[in-house]
Amino acid sequence: MATPVLLVMMGTSGCGKTTISSILASKLGIPFIDGDDLHPRANVQKMSEGHPLDDRDREPWLKTIRERAIELTSSSKPDLSNVHNDPTQTAQHMAEVLETSQPTRQREAGTAEPDVEDQGESGPVKPVVATEPRRACIIACSALKRAYRNLLRGETDSLFHNDSEDSRAPNAKSDIDTHHIYLHVAPDELLRRMHNRKGHFMKEQMLRSQLETLEEPDPHSEYGVIVVEAARAPGLVVASLVQQINEMVGPVCGPPA
């Protein structure tokens, strides 16, 4: 059987991760999970008290996302009953906002030096397009930093490593083939959307913190990245994604009945 696929729908708050993921999952006939629902209880409690997560909080959560994707796309029938069942309703969807720790230096698109470790002279390894359907799932996760995406891809086994070859997880990519879909929306449009979301707790400074933390994925220097302009109507975004996913990974299908 072809290696299964995890599609990580990523981007800042307000880019449309939940909306686009839901429509795309329905279109492709594959399961979708909001990554916020996979946070351990300790993280939920911390965020509900208004404290941002740090990387020690975030690492087990990112590993859980990858493990859950492997479970969802396994050969046996997955258990979907424990998705969206967190009883701590006061913390619902706080993860996306408060997972951002104190702002780091802002990276301007196109100016940051790409991390080229293990890419070789010709850039990152290109995904192999499968001809038979591959089991797949979508999980929404902001994945703002490259280190988080590396962990989700299984390229490293920890956020705390020394960039040596020994830090790489052995045979990590054999379990699941992770691709990141970056929903790019200009900051001004994100702010407009935020102001139009009545009753939402997202504050302007929180969004700015996310934008400062964001390390935009580059398809030329990272494995399996799709970038799509998401300021358009959701239907147009999804149509573009269906075509790009088909070109990058081949046909996909849901879990066994």
C-alpha atoms as a PDB file:
ATOM      1  CA  MET A   1       0.000   0.000   0.000  1.00  0.00           C
ATOM      2  CA  ALA A   2       1.243   3.487  -0.834  1.00  0.00           C
ATOM      3  CA  THR A   3       2.477   5.624   2.055  1.00  0.00           C
ATOM      4  CA  PRO A   4      -0.455   7.518   3.635  1.00  0.00           C
ATOM      5  CA  VAL A   5      -0.584  11.307   3.630  1.00  0.00           C
ATOM      6  CA  LEU A   6      -1.042  13.950   6.320  1.00  0.00           C
ATOM      7  CA  LEU A   7      -2.161  17.332   4.977  1.00  0.00           C
ATOM      8  CA  VAL A   8      -1.444  20.029   7.574  1.00  0.00           C
ATOM      9  CA  MET A   9      -3.591  23.101   6.956  1.00  0.00           C
ATOM     10  CA  MET A  10      -1.445  25.897   8.365  1.00  0.00           C
ATOM     11  CA  GLY A  11      -1.348  29.653   8.808  1.00  0.00           C
ATOM     12  CA  THR A  12      -2.182  32.354  11.314  1.00  0.00           C
ATOM     13  CA  SER A  13      -5.524  32.961  12.964  1.00  0.00           C
ATOM     14  CA  GLY A  14      -8.067  34.290  10.480  1.00  0.00           C
ATOM     15  CA  CYS A  15      -6.563  32.668   7.392  1.00  0.00           C
ATOM     16  CA  GLY A  16      -9.477  30.217   7.119  1.00  0.00           C
ATOM     17  CA  LYS A  17      -7.929  26.929   8.256  1.00  0.00           C
ATOM     18  CA  THR A  18     -11.152  25.447   9.639  1.00  0.00           C
ATOM     19  CA  THR A  19     -13.382  26.594   6.784  1.00  0.00           C
ATOM     20  CA  ILE A  20     -11.022  25.521   4.001  1.00  0.00           C
ATOM     21  CA  SER A  21     -10.154  22.237   5.717  1.00  0.00           C
ATOM     22  CA  SER A  22     -13.817  21.304   6.143  1.00  0.00           C
ATOM     23  CA  ILE A  23     -14.684  21.968   2.501  1.00  0.00           C
ATOM     24  CA  LEU A  24     -11.533  20.287   1.193  1.00  0.00           C
ATOM     25  CA  ALA A  25     -12.024  17.212   3.379  1.00  0.00           C
ATOM     26  CA  SER A  26     -15.583  16.856   2.098  1.00  0.00           C
ATOM     27  CA  LYS A  27     -14.434  17.283  -1.491  1.00  0.00           C
ATOM     28  CA  LEU A  28     -11.694  14.658  -1.165  1.00  0.00           C
ATOM     29  CA  GLY A  29     -13.677  12.309   1.069  1.00  0.00           C
ATOM     30  CA  ILE A  30     -11.051  12.251   3.825  1.00  0.00           C
ATOM     31  CA  PRO A  31     -11.282  13.004   7.580  1.00  0.00           C
ATOM     32  CA  PHE A  32     -10.510  16.405   9.104  1.00  0.00           C
ATOM     33  CA  ILE A  33      -9.489  17.204  12.685  1.00  0.00           C
ATOM     34  CA  ASP A  34      -8.860  20.601  14.254  1.00  0.00           C
ATOM     35  CA  GLY A  35      -5.452  20.305  15.869  1.00  0.00           C
ATOM     36  CA  ASP A  36      -6.630  22.437  18.796  1.00  0.00           C
ATOM     37  CA  ASP A  37      -8.743  19.462  19.914  1.00  0.00           C
ATOM     38  CA  LEU A  38      -5.611  17.329  20.330  1.00  0.00           C
ATOM     39  CA  HIS A  39      -3.957  19.458  23.007  1.00  0.00           C
ATOM     40  CA  PRO A  40      -3.301  17.627  26.289  1.00  0.00           C
ATOM     41  CA  ARG A  41      -5.379  18.744  29.237  1.00  0.00           C
ATOM     42  CA  ALA A  42      -2.384  20.516  30.830  1.00  0.00           C
ATOM     43  CA  ASN A  43      -2.056  22.763  27.756  1.00  0.00           C
ATOM     44  CA  VAL A  44      -5.770  23.540  27.744  1.00  0.00           C
ATOM     45  CA  GLN A  45      -5.621  24.495  31.397  1.00  0.00           C
ATOM     46  CA  LYS A  46      -2.591  26.713  30.845  1.00  0.00           C
ATOM     47  CA  MET A  47      -4.217  28.498  27.920  1.00  0.00           C
ATOM     48  CA  SER A  48      -7.519  28.894  29.749  1.00  0.00           C
ATOM     49  CA  GLU A  49      -5.602  30.818  32.404  1.00  0.00           C
ATOM     50  CA  GLY A  50      -4.278  33.175  29.747  1.00  0.00           C
ATOM     51  CA  HIS A  51      -0.710  31.834  29.588  1.00  0.00           C
ATOM     52  CA  PRO A  52       0.959  31.245  26.207  1.00  0.00           C
ATOM     53  CA  LEU A  53       2.439  27.838  25.517  1.00  0.00           C
ATOM     54  CA  ASP A  54       6.161  27.380  25.192  1.00  0.00           C
ATOM     55  CA  ASP A  55       7.923  24.769  23.076  1.00  0.00           C
ATOM     56  CA  ARG A  56       8.051  22.254  25.931  1.00  0.00           C
ATOM     57  CA  ASP A  57       4.240  22.406  26.017  1.00  0.00           C
ATOM     58  CA  ARG A  58       4.004  22.326  22.250  1.00  0.00           C
ATOM     59  CA  GLU A  59       6.302  19.398  21.467  1.00  0.00           C
ATOM     60  CA  PRO A  60       4.072  16.572  22.801  1.00  0.00           C
ATOM     61  CA  TRP A  61       1.066  18.199  21.089  1.00  0.00           C
ATOM     62  CA  LEU A  62       2.803  18.220  17.702  1.00  0.00           C
ATOM     63  CA  LYS A  63       3.830  14.596  18.185  1.00  0.00           C
ATOM     64  CA  THR A  64       0.214  13.734  19.008  1.00  0.00           C
ATOM     65  CA  ILE A  65      -0.935  15.360  15.751  1.00  0.00           C
ATOM     66  CA  ARG A  66       1.444  13.166  13.764  1.00  0.00           C
ATOM     67  CA  GLU A  67       0.490  10.039  15.731  1.00  0.00           C
ATOM     68  CA  ARG A  68      -3.225  10.774  15.277  1.00  0.00           C
ATOM     69  CA  ALA A  69      -2.719  11.168  11.533  1.00  0.00           C
ATOM     70  CA  ILE A  70      -0.966   7.803  11.366  1.00  0.00           C
ATOM     71  CA  GLU A  71      -3.874   6.262  13.273  1.00  0.00           C
ATOM     72  CA  LEU A  72      -6.472   7.870  10.997  1.00  0.00           C
ATOM     73  CA  THR A  73      -4.770   6.592   7.852  1.00  0.00           C
ATOM     74  CA  SER A  74      -3.865   3.117   9.131  1.00  0.00           C
ATOM     75  CA  SER A  75      -5.101  -0.091   7.525  1.00  0.00           C
ATOM     76  CA  SER A  76      -7.508  -0.749  10.400  1.00  0.00           C
ATOM     77  CA  LYS A  77     -10.693   1.232  10.950  1.00  0.00           C
ATOM     78  CA  PRO A  78      -9.788   4.379  12.946  1.00  0.00           C
ATOM     79  CA  ASP A  79     -11.650   5.512  16.058  1.00  0.00           C
ATOM     80  CA  LEU A  80     -13.208   8.898  15.277  1.00  0.00           C
ATOM     81  CA  SER A  81     -15.255   9.087  18.469  1.00  0.00           C
ATOM     82  CA  ASN A  82     -12.758  11.049  20.536  1.00  0.00           C
ATOM     83  CA  VAL A  83     -12.459  14.027  18.194  1.00  0.00           C
ATOM     84  CA  HIS A  84     -13.982  17.347  19.341  1.00  0.00           C
ATOM     85  CA  ASN A  85     -14.837  15.980  22.783  1.00  0.00           C
ATOM     86  CA  ASP A  86     -12.830  18.249  25.085  1.00  0.00           C
ATOM     87  CA  PRO A  87     -15.165  19.162  27.964  1.00  0.00           C
ATOM     88  CA  THR A  88     -13.261  22.352  28.721  1.00  0.00           C
ATOM     89  CA  GLN A  89     -15.432  24.516  26.500  1.00  0.00           C
ATOM     90  CA  THR A  90     -14.019  27.784  27.842  1.00  0.00           C
ATOM     91  CA  ALA A  91     -10.720  26.996  26.159  1.00  0.00           C
ATOM     92  CA  GLN A  92     -12.142  26.005  22.779  1.00  0.00           C
ATOM     93  CA  HIS A  93      -9.999  27.348  19.914  1.00  0.00           C
ATOM     94  CA  MET A  94      -7.680  29.179  22.342  1.00  0.00           C
ATOM     95  CA  ALA A  95      -4.785  27.001  21.263  1.00  0.00           C
ATOM     96  CA  GLU A  96      -4.291  28.782  17.959  1.00  0.00           C
ATOM     97  CA  VAL A  97      -4.032  32.135  19.688  1.00  0.00           C
ATOM     98  CA  LEU A  98      -2.061  31.326  22.808  1.00  0.00           C
ATOM     99  CA  GLU A  99       0.288  28.749  21.334  1.00  0.00           C
ATOM    100  CA  THR A 100       2.371  31.727  20.213  1.00  0.00           C
ATOM    101  CA  SER A 101       4.896  32.601  22.870  1.00  0.00           C
ATOM    102  CA  GLN A 102       6.462  36.043  23.275  1.00  0.00           C
ATOM    103  CA  PRO A 103       7.084  37.642  19.881  1.00  0.00           C
ATOM    104  CA  THR A 104      10.346  36.816  18.188  1.00  0.00           C
ATOM    105  CA  ARG A 105      11.971  38.913  15.505  1.00  0.00           C
ATOM    106  CA  GLN A 106       9.724  39.441  12.531  1.00  0.00           C
ATOM    107  CA  ARG A 107      10.737  37.693   9.349  1.00  0.00           C
ATOM    108  CA  GLU A 108       9.921  39.514   6.173  1.00  0.00           C
ATOM    109  CA  ALA A 109       8.877  37.253   3.354  1.00  0.00           C
ATOM    110  CA  GLY A 110      11.790  36.556   1.056  1.00  0.00           C
ATOM    111  CA  THR A 111      14.495  37.996   3.316  1.00  0.00           C
ATOM    112  CA  ALA A 112      15.118  35.168   5.762  1.00  0.00           C
ATOM    113  CA  GLU A 113      17.910  32.746   4.973  1.00  0.00           C
ATOM    114  CA  PRO A 114      16.397  29.326   4.284  1.00  0.00           C
ATOM    115  CA  ASP A 115      17.401  26.397   6.438  1.00  0.00           C
ATOM    116  CA  VAL A 116      19.033  24.078   3.952  1.00  0.00           C
ATOM    117  CA  GLU A 117      20.261  21.273   6.162  1.00  0.00           C
ATOM    118  CA  ASP A 118      19.978  17.823   4.602  1.00  0.00           C
ATOM    119  CA  GLN A 119      18.691  19.231   1.328  1.00  0.00           C
ATOM    120  CA  GLY A 120      21.784  18.753  -0.768  1.00  0.00           C
ATOM    121  CA  GLU A 121      22.778  21.101  -3.556  1.00  0.00           C
ATOM    122  CA  SER A 122      19.575  20.692  -5.543  1.00  0.00           C
ATOM    123  CA  GLY A 123      17.121  21.634  -2.797  1.00  0.00           C
ATOM    124  CA  PRO A 124      14.651  19.525  -0.851  1.00  0.00           C
ATOM    125  CA  VAL A 125      13.596  16.063  -1.924  1.00  0.00           C
ATOM    126  CA  LYS A 126      10.644  16.277  -4.285  1.00  0.00           C
ATOM    127  CA  PRO A 127       7.509  14.334  -3.315  1.00  0.00           C
ATOM    128  CA  VAL A 128       6.815  11.195  -5.311  1.00  0.00           C
ATOM    129  CA  VAL A 129       3.414  11.296  -7.002  1.00  0.00           C
ATOM    130  CA  ALA A 130       1.532   8.046  -6.389  1.00  0.00           C
ATOM    131  CA  THR A 131      -0.637   6.437  -9.057  1.00  0.00           C
ATOM    132  CA  GLU A 132      -2.873   4.485  -6.670  1.00  0.00           C
ATOM    133  CA  PRO A 133      -5.063   6.243  -4.073  1.00  0.00           C
ATOM    134  CA  ARG A 134      -3.305   7.016  -0.813  1.00  0.00           C
ATOM    135  CA  ARG A 135      -5.166   7.200   2.485  1.00  0.00           C
ATOM    136  CA  ALA A 136      -5.084  10.755   3.751  1.00  0.00           C
ATOM    137  CA  CYS A 137      -6.369  13.114   6.421  1.00  0.00           C
ATOM    138  CA  ILE A 138      -6.331  16.840   7.088  1.00  0.00           C
ATOM    139  CA  ILE A 139      -5.339  18.364  10.423  1.00  0.00           C
ATOM    140  CA  ALA A 140      -5.460  22.120  10.993  1.00  0.00           C
ATOM    141  CA  CYS A 141      -2.430  23.413  12.889  1.00  0.00           C
ATOM    142  CA  SER A 142      -0.906  26.876  12.657  1.00  0.00           C
ATOM    143  CA  ALA A 143       2.628  25.351  12.402  1.00  0.00           C
ATOM    144  CA  LEU A 144       4.113  28.831  12.458  1.00  0.00           C
ATOM    145  CA  LYS A 145       7.766  27.812  12.777  1.00  0.00           C
ATOM    146  CA  ARG A 146       9.847  25.591  10.558  1.00  0.00           C
ATOM    147  CA  ALA A 147      10.937  23.566  13.599  1.00  0.00           C
ATOM    148  CA  TYR A 148       7.291  22.665  14.217  1.00  0.00           C
ATOM    149  CA  ARG A 149       6.839  21.600  10.613  1.00  0.00           C
ATOM    150  CA  ASN A 150      10.023  19.492  10.767  1.00  0.00           C
ATOM    151  CA  LEU A 151       8.596  17.670  13.779  1.00  0.00           C
ATOM    152  CA  LEU A 152       5.273  17.121  12.017  1.00  0.00           C
ATOM    153  CA  ARG A 153       7.161  15.744   9.007  1.00  0.00           C
ATOM    154  CA  GLY A 154       9.128  13.394  11.279  1.00  0.00           C
ATOM    155  CA  GLU A 155      12.416  14.967  10.173  1.00  0.00           C
ATOM    156  CA  THR A 156      13.346  15.490  13.818  1.00  0.00           C
ATOM    157  CA  ASP A 157      12.174  13.795  16.980  1.00  0.00           C
ATOM    158  CA  SER A 158      12.383  16.888  19.182  1.00  0.00           C
ATOM    159  CA  LEU A 159      12.183  20.683  19.051  1.00  0.00           C
ATOM    160  CA  PHE A 160      15.317  20.711  21.171  1.00  0.00           C
ATOM    161  CA  HIS A 161      18.140  19.343  19.065  1.00  0.00           C
ATOM    162  CA  ASN A 162      21.561  20.482  17.926  1.00  0.00           C
ATOM    163  CA  ASP A 163      21.104  20.204  14.152  1.00  0.00           C
ATOM    164  CA  SER A 164      23.322  17.115  14.063  1.00  0.00           C
ATOM    165  CA  GLU A 165      22.470  14.065  11.980  1.00  0.00           C
ATOM    166  CA  ASP A 166      21.895  12.153  15.231  1.00  0.00           C
ATOM    167  CA  SER A 167      18.880  14.350  15.981  1.00  0.00           C
ATOM    168  CA  ARG A 168      16.914  12.982  13.067  1.00  0.00           C
ATOM    169  CA  ALA A 169      14.224  10.429  13.819  1.00  0.00           C
ATOM    170  CA  PRO A 170      15.169   7.080  12.202  1.00  0.00           C
ATOM    171  CA  ASN A 171      12.975   6.085   9.232  1.00  0.00           C
ATOM    172  CA  ALA A 172      10.641   8.942  10.195  1.00  0.00           C
ATOM    173  CA  LYS A 173       9.091   9.460   6.772  1.00  0.00           C
ATOM    174  CA  SER A 174       8.118   5.821   6.285  1.00  0.00           C
ATOM    175  CA  ASP A 175       5.056   6.077   8.565  1.00  0.00           C
ATOM    176  CA  ILE A 176       3.281   8.965   6.867  1.00  0.00           C
ATOM    177  CA  ASP A 177       4.069  11.517   4.172  1.00  0.00           C
ATOM    178  CA  THR A 178       3.435  14.994   5.612  1.00  0.00           C
ATOM    179  CA  HIS A 179       2.599  17.962   3.404  1.00  0.00           C
ATOM    180  CA  HIS A 180       1.894  21.498   4.589  1.00  0.00           C
ATOM    181  CA  ILE A 181      -0.735  23.715   2.963  1.00  0.00           C
ATOM    182  CA  TYR A 182       0.000  27.338   3.789  1.00  0.00           C
ATOM    183  CA  LEU A 183      -3.025  29.613   3.533  1.00  0.00           C
ATOM    184  CA  HIS A 184      -1.441  32.951   2.771  1.00  0.00           C
ATOM    185  CA  VAL A 185      -3.472  36.054   3.569  1.00  0.00           C
ATOM    186  CA  ALA A 186      -2.059  39.585   3.699  1.00  0.00           C
ATOM    187  CA  PRO A 187      -1.818  41.105   7.211  1.00  0.00           C
ATOM    188  CA  ASP A 188      -4.286  43.893   6.405  1.00  0.00           C
ATOM    189  CA  GLU A 189      -6.904  41.345   5.349  1.00  0.00           C
ATOM    190  CA  LEU A 190      -6.265  39.252   8.466  1.00  0.00           C
ATOM    191  CA  LEU A 191      -6.844  42.328  10.620  1.00  0.00           C
ATOM    192  CA  ARG A 192     -10.044  43.140   8.726  1.00  0.00           C
ATOM    193  CA  ARG A 193     -11.328  39.609   9.256  1.00  0.00           C
ATOM    194  CA  MET A 194     -10.419  39.765  12.943  1.00  0.00           C
ATOM    195  CA  HIS A 195     -12.375  42.975  13.459  1.00  0.00           C
ATOM    196  CA  ASN A 196     -15.395  41.441  11.694  1.00  0.00           C
ATOM    197  CA  ARG A 197     -15.463  38.346  13.921  1.00  0.00           C
ATOM    198  CA  LYS A 198     -17.938  39.475  16.530  1.00  0.00           C
ATOM    199  CA  GLY A 199     -17.515  37.990  19.967  1.00  0.00           C
ATOM    200  CA  HIS A 200     -14.147  36.428  19.121  1.00  0.00           C
ATOM    201  CA  PHE A 201     -11.430  36.813  21.730  1.00  0.00           C
ATOM    202  CA  MET A 202      -8.592  37.223  19.244  1.00  0.00           C
ATOM    203  CA  LYS A 203      -6.910  40.568  19.889  1.00  0.00           C
ATOM    204  CA  GLU A 204      -4.943  42.620  17.405  1.00  0.00           C
ATOM    205  CA  GLN A 205      -1.701  42.278  19.378  1.00  0.00           C
ATOM    206  CA  MET A 206      -2.140  38.499  19.503  1.00  0.00           C
ATOM    207  CA  LEU A 207      -2.430  38.396  15.728  1.00  0.00           C
ATOM    208  CA  ARG A 208       0.608  40.634  15.366  1.00  0.00           C
ATOM    209  CA  SER A 209       2.493  38.270  17.667  1.00  0.00           C
ATOM    210  CA  GLN A 210       1.612  35.368  15.394  1.00  0.00           C
ATOM    211  CA  LEU A 211       2.760  37.312  12.339  1.00  0.00           C
ATOM    212  CA  GLU A 212       6.057  38.080  14.058  1.00  0.00           C
ATOM    213  CA  THR A 213       6.515  34.412  14.955  1.00  0.00           C
ATOM    214  CA  LEU A 214       5.546  33.118  11.510  1.00  0.00           C
ATOM    215  CA  GLU A 215       8.321  31.594   9.421  1.00  0.00           C
ATOM    216  CA  GLU A 216       6.636  31.313   6.054  1.00  0.00           C
ATOM    217  CA  PRO A 217       7.209  27.950   4.378  1.00  0.00           C
ATOM    218  CA  ASP A 218       9.044  28.072   1.069  1.00  0.00           C
ATOM    219  CA  PRO A 219       8.246  25.337  -1.470  1.00  0.00           C
ATOM    220  CA  HIS A 220      11.815  25.687  -2.781  1.00  0.00           C
ATOM    221  CA  SER A 221      13.503  24.949   0.546  1.00  0.00           C
ATOM    222  CA  GLU A 222      11.006  22.740   2.403  1.00  0.00           C
ATOM    223  CA  TYR A 223       9.606  19.343   1.538  1.00  0.00           C
ATOM    224  CA  GLY A 224       5.995  18.986   0.484  1.00  0.00           C
ATOM    225  CA  VAL A 225       4.772  22.590   0.740  1.00  0.00           C
ATOM    226  CA  ILE A 226       1.764  24.041  -1.075  1.00  0.00           C
ATOM    227  CA  VAL A 227       1.189  27.800  -0.859  1.00  0.00           C
ATOM    228  CA  VAL A 228      -2.205  29.179  -1.835  1.00  0.00           C
ATOM    229  CA  GLU A 229      -3.583  32.711  -1.744  1.00  0.00           C
ATOM    230  CA  ALA A 230      -6.524  32.347   0.643  1.00  0.00           C
ATOM    231  CA  ALA A 231      -8.089  35.810   0.417  1.00  0.00           C
ATOM    232  CA  ARG A 232     -10.333  34.523  -2.384  1.00  0.00           C
ATOM    233  CA  ALA A 233     -13.680  32.788  -2.022  1.00  0.00           C
ATOM    234  CA  PRO A 234     -13.298  29.416  -0.244  1.00  0.00           C
ATOM    235  CA  GLY A 235     -14.598  27.522  -3.258  1.00  0.00           C
ATOM    236  CA  LEU A 236     -11.838  28.933  -5.461  1.00  0.00           C
ATOM    237  CA  VAL A 237      -9.193  28.153  -2.847  1.00  0.00           C
ATOM    238  CA  VAL A 238     -10.387  24.562  -2.524  1.00  0.00           C
ATOM    239  CA  ALA A 239     -10.521  24.072  -6.307  1.00  0.00           C
ATOM    240  CA  SER A 240      -6.902  25.204  -6.546  1.00  0.00           C
ATOM    241  CA  LEU A 241      -5.883  22.922  -3.674  1.00  0.00           C
ATOM    242  CA  VAL A 242      -7.562  19.845  -5.155  1.00  0.00           C
ATOM    243  CA  GLN A 243      -5.545  20.323  -8.341  1.00  0.00           C
ATOM    244  CA  GLN A 244      -2.260  20.958  -6.517  1.00  0.00           C
ATOM    245  CA  ILE A 245      -2.715  18.009  -4.147  1.00  0.00           C
ATOM    246  CA  ASN A 246      -3.409  15.721  -7.089  1.00  0.00           C
ATOM    247  CA  GLU A 247      -0.258  16.966  -8.810  1.00  0.00           C
ATOM    248  CA  MET A 248       1.934  16.695  -5.693  1.00  0.00           C
ATOM    249  CA  VAL A 249       0.802  13.468  -4.018  1.00  0.00           C
ATOM    250  CA  GLY A 250      -1.613  11.826  -6.458  1.00  0.00           C
ATOM    251  CA  PRO A 251      -5.141  10.597  -5.689  1.00  0.00           C
ATOM    252  CA  VAL A 252      -6.170  10.329  -2.024  1.00  0.00           C
ATOM    253  CA  CYS A 253      -8.945   8.468  -0.212  1.00  0.00           C
ATOM    254  CA  GLY A 254     -10.472   8.179   3.226  1.00  0.00           C
ATOM    255  CA  PRO A 255     -10.063   5.443   5.870  1.00  0.00           C
ATOM    256  CA  PRO A 256     -11.483   1.955   5.366  1.00  0.00           C
ATOM    257  CA  ALA A 257     -15.237   1.620   5.827  1.00  0.00           C
END
